[in-house]
C-alpha cells in the first residue's frame, strides 16, 4: 500500500492522521480509497463537479503529477503520495 501524507490543513478531515496507508495502482485509485476512508477529505479536495480543485497539488515521491500522467500516474507499494492544498493570504 502507498503512504498518503496528510498536511495539517486536512488532518481534521482525515481523523487527525498524519499518514495513511492506502491501496491503489494509480493516484486516482489512491485518492478514491482515501475518500472512502475519510469522506470529509473529498469535500475539501474536489469541486462540486467531482474534479480536483485547481489549487490542490499532488506529488508522488516528490514528483508533481501534473508533470507526469496526472491522476493516472502509477503508484507502487513503496511510493509516497503527498497532497498539498495551496495556501494564500497573509499580511500585505
Protein backbone atom coordinates (compact mmCIF):
# COMPACT_ATOMS: atom_id res chain seq x y z
CA UNK A 1 0.00 0.00 0.00
CA UNK A 2 1.11 3.54 -0.73
CA UNK A 3 1.54 6.02 2.09
CA UNK A 4 -0.52 9.19 1.75
CA UNK A 5 0.91 12.10 3.72
CA UNK A 6 -1.81 14.35 5.09
CA UNK A 7 -0.92 18.04 5.52
CA UNK A 8 -2.03 19.85 8.69
CA UNK A 9 -4.84 21.67 6.90
CA UNK A 10 -6.52 18.32 6.04
CA UNK A 11 -5.81 16.37 9.23
CA UNK A 12 -9.08 17.14 10.96
CA UNK A 13 -10.97 15.81 7.91
CA UNK A 14 -8.72 12.72 7.98
CA UNK A 15 -9.38 11.86 11.61
CA UNK A 16 -6.18 13.52 12.81
CA UNK A 17 -3.97 11.18 10.78
CA UNK A 18 -0.58 12.39 9.50
CA UNK A 19 -0.07 9.40 7.22
CA UNK A 20 -2.49 6.80 5.92
CA UNK A 21 -1.66 3.58 4.07
CA UNK A 22 -3.95 3.35 1.06
CA UNK A 23 -4.12 0.71 -1.69
CA UNK A 24 -4.32 1.61 -5.36
CA UNK A 25 -2.38 1.37 -8.60
CA UNK A 26 -2.84 4.99 -9.69
CA UNK A 27 -3.13 8.35 -7.94
CA UNK A 28 -6.83 8.37 -8.82
CA UNK A 29 -7.39 4.96 -7.17
CA UNK A 30 -5.44 6.02 -4.08
CA UNK A 31 -7.47 9.21 -3.75
CA UNK A 32 -10.77 7.37 -4.20
CA UNK A 33 -9.83 4.94 -1.43
CA UNK A 34 -8.79 7.87 0.76
CA UNK A 35 -12.22 9.46 0.15
CA UNK A 36 -13.92 6.19 1.15
CA UNK A 37 -11.93 6.10 4.38
CA UNK A 38 -12.38 9.82 5.12
CA UNK A 39 -15.35 11.35 3.23
CA UNK A 40 -14.65 14.84 4.59
CA UNK A 41 -11.39 14.90 2.66
CA UNK A 42 -13.37 14.56 -0.57
CA UNK A 43 -15.34 17.71 0.24
CA UNK A 44 -12.15 19.68 0.77
CA UNK A 45 -10.30 18.48 -2.33
CA UNK A 46 -12.97 18.15 -5.02
CA UNK A 47 -15.15 20.68 -6.85
CA UNK A 48 -18.93 20.16 -6.94
CA UNK A 49 -18.33 18.52 -10.34
CA UNK A 50 -16.04 15.89 -8.80
CA UNK A 51 -12.77 17.29 -10.15
CA UNK A 52 -9.70 18.04 -8.08
CA UNK A 53 -9.61 21.75 -7.18
CA UNK A 54 -7.00 23.60 -9.23
CA UNK A 55 -5.27 24.75 -6.04
CA UNK A 56 -4.60 21.18 -4.88
CA UNK A 57 -1.13 19.86 -5.71
CA UNK A 58 -0.40 16.13 -5.65
CA UNK A 59 3.07 14.60 -5.63
CA UNK A 60 4.29 11.02 -5.93
CA UNK A 61 7.74 10.66 -4.40
CA UNK A 62 8.29 14.42 -4.71
CA UNK A 63 7.30 14.44 -8.40
CA UNK A 64 4.39 16.73 -9.34
CA UNK A 65 1.76 14.53 -11.01
CA UNK A 66 0.83 17.42 -13.33
CA UNK A 67 4.19 16.78 -15.00
CA UNK A 68 3.61 13.03 -15.14
CA UNK A 69 0.34 11.31 -16.09
CA UNK A 70 -1.84 13.47 -13.77
CA UNK A 71 -4.30 11.32 -11.82
CA UNK A 72 -3.40 8.26 -13.89
CA UNK A 73 0.17 8.38 -12.59
CA UNK A 74 1.06 4.88 -11.40
CA UNK A 75 1.93 4.25 -7.77
CA UNK A 76 3.63 1.27 -6.17
CA UNK A 77 3.50 -0.04 -2.63
CA UNK A 78 6.71 1.75 -1.68
CA UNK A 79 5.52 5.14 -3.03
CA UNK A 80 4.54 8.19 -1.03
CA UNK A 81 1.65 10.37 -2.18
CA UNK A 82 1.62 13.92 -0.83
CA UNK A 83 -1.44 16.17 -1.06
CA UNK A 84 -0.72 19.88 -0.75
CA UNK A 85 -3.59 22.35 -1.00
CA UNK A 86 -2.08 25.71 -1.93
CA UNK A 87 -2.22 28.34 0.79
CA UNK A 88 -2.89 32.01 0.13
CA UNK A 89 -3.40 35.16 2.09
CA UNK A 90 -1.47 36.81 4.86
CA UNK A 91 -0.48 40.33 5.63
CA UNK A 92 0.39 42.73 2.78
